[in-house]
């Protein structure tokens, strides 16, 4: 029995995918790193603009646009860190 590798599969696996979002080079926070990250960002910005236009400043309804715009990127980053 091999002491170090008996419980590990050391097969050839594909490289892990690049994270969609990562730390910014300048400033603080995270930003898109791949085309998928930019697509998610564009869709969320468009969604927030449409909701803001349709609700015309009604605060409870504006939250319908703001919550997904904040939650979706955070959820994607949390999933990709696993």
Protein backbone atom coordinates (compact mmCIF):
# COMPACT_ATOMS: atom_id res chain seq x y z
CA UNK A 1 0.00 0.00 0.00
CA UNK A 2 1.12 3.47 -0.84
CA UNK A 3 0.95 5.58 2.34
CA UNK A 4 0.43 9.02 0.80
CA UNK A 5 -1.77 8.30 -2.23
CA UNK A 6 -3.97 5.42 -1.18
CA UNK A 7 -7.02 7.63 -0.55
CA UNK A 8 -6.53 10.11 -3.37
CA UNK A 9 -7.41 9.86 -7.04
CA UNK A 10 -4.53 11.50 -8.90
CA UNK A 11 -6.09 11.25 -12.36
CA UNK A 12 -5.78 13.86 -15.07
CA UNK A 13 -8.57 16.41 -14.61
CA UNK A 14 -9.34 19.52 -16.69
CA UNK A 15 -8.13 22.81 -15.29
CA UNK A 16 -10.67 24.70 -13.17
CA UNK A 17 -12.54 27.49 -14.92
CA UNK A 18 -11.62 31.12 -14.35
CA UNK A 19 -13.87 32.93 -11.88
CA UNK A 20 -16.37 35.31 -13.48
CA UNK A 21 -15.61 38.01 -10.90
CA UNK A 22 -12.36 38.85 -9.14
CA UNK A 23 -10.60 41.59 -7.19
CA UNK A 24 -10.06 44.86 -9.01
CA UNK A 25 -6.53 45.86 -9.95
CA UNK A 26 -7.16 49.45 -8.86
CA UNK A 27 -9.51 50.45 -6.08
CA UNK A 28 -11.47 48.09 -3.90
CA UNK A 29 -14.13 45.49 -4.51
CA UNK A 30 -14.72 42.96 -7.26
CA UNK A 31 -15.27 43.34 -10.98
CA UNK A 32 -15.99 41.14 -14.00
CA UNK A 33 -13.06 39.02 -15.25
CA UNK A 34 -14.58 37.00 -18.11
CA UNK A 35 -17.21 37.53 -20.78
CA UNK A 36 -19.73 35.71 -18.54
CA UNK A 37 -19.09 38.23 -15.76
CA UNK A 38 -19.54 41.14 -18.15
CA UNK A 39 -22.77 39.58 -19.45
CA UNK A 40 -24.17 39.19 -15.92
CA UNK A 41 -23.19 42.79 -15.15
CA UNK A 42 -24.85 44.12 -18.32
CA UNK A 43 -28.06 42.17 -17.72
CA UNK A 44 -28.29 43.36 -14.12
CA UNK A 45 -27.67 47.00 -15.09
CA UNK A 46 -30.35 46.78 -17.80
CA UNK A 47 -32.74 45.15 -15.32
CA UNK A 48 -32.10 47.89 -12.73
CA UNK A 49 -32.68 50.62 -15.34
CA UNK A 50 -35.95 49.07 -16.50
CA UNK A 51 -37.22 48.64 -12.94
CA UNK A 52 -36.21 52.22 -12.01
CA UNK A 53 -37.97 53.54 -15.11
CA UNK A 54 -41.15 51.58 -14.49
CA UNK A 55 -41.38 52.34 -10.78
CA UNK A 56 -40.57 56.07 -11.15
CA UNK A 57 -39.14 56.45 -7.66
CA UNK A 58 -41.53 54.36 -5.56
CA UNK A 59 -39.07 53.14 -2.94
CA UNK A 60 -40.55 49.68 -2.15
CA UNK A 61 -40.68 48.84 -5.86
CA UNK A 62 -37.13 50.13 -6.48
CA UNK A 63 -35.90 47.42 -4.11
CA UNK A 64 -37.14 44.87 -6.65
CA UNK A 65 -34.37 46.11 -8.94
CA UNK A 66 -31.71 46.81 -6.34
CA UNK A 67 -31.79 43.51 -4.44
CA UNK A 68 -31.11 41.27 -7.48
CA UNK A 69 -28.44 43.68 -8.75
CA UNK A 70 -26.55 43.19 -5.49
CA UNK A 71 -27.42 39.59 -4.69
CA UNK A 72 -26.68 37.88 -8.02
CA UNK A 73 -22.97 38.82 -8.28
CA UNK A 74 -22.44 37.99 -4.59
CA UNK A 75 -24.12 34.62 -5.08
CA UNK A 76 -21.97 33.86 -8.15
CA UNK A 77 -18.78 34.77 -6.25
CA UNK A 78 -19.80 32.58 -3.30
CA UNK A 79 -20.49 29.60 -5.57
CA UNK A 80 -17.19 29.99 -7.42
CA UNK A 81 -15.14 30.06 -4.21
CA UNK A 82 -16.16 26.49 -3.27
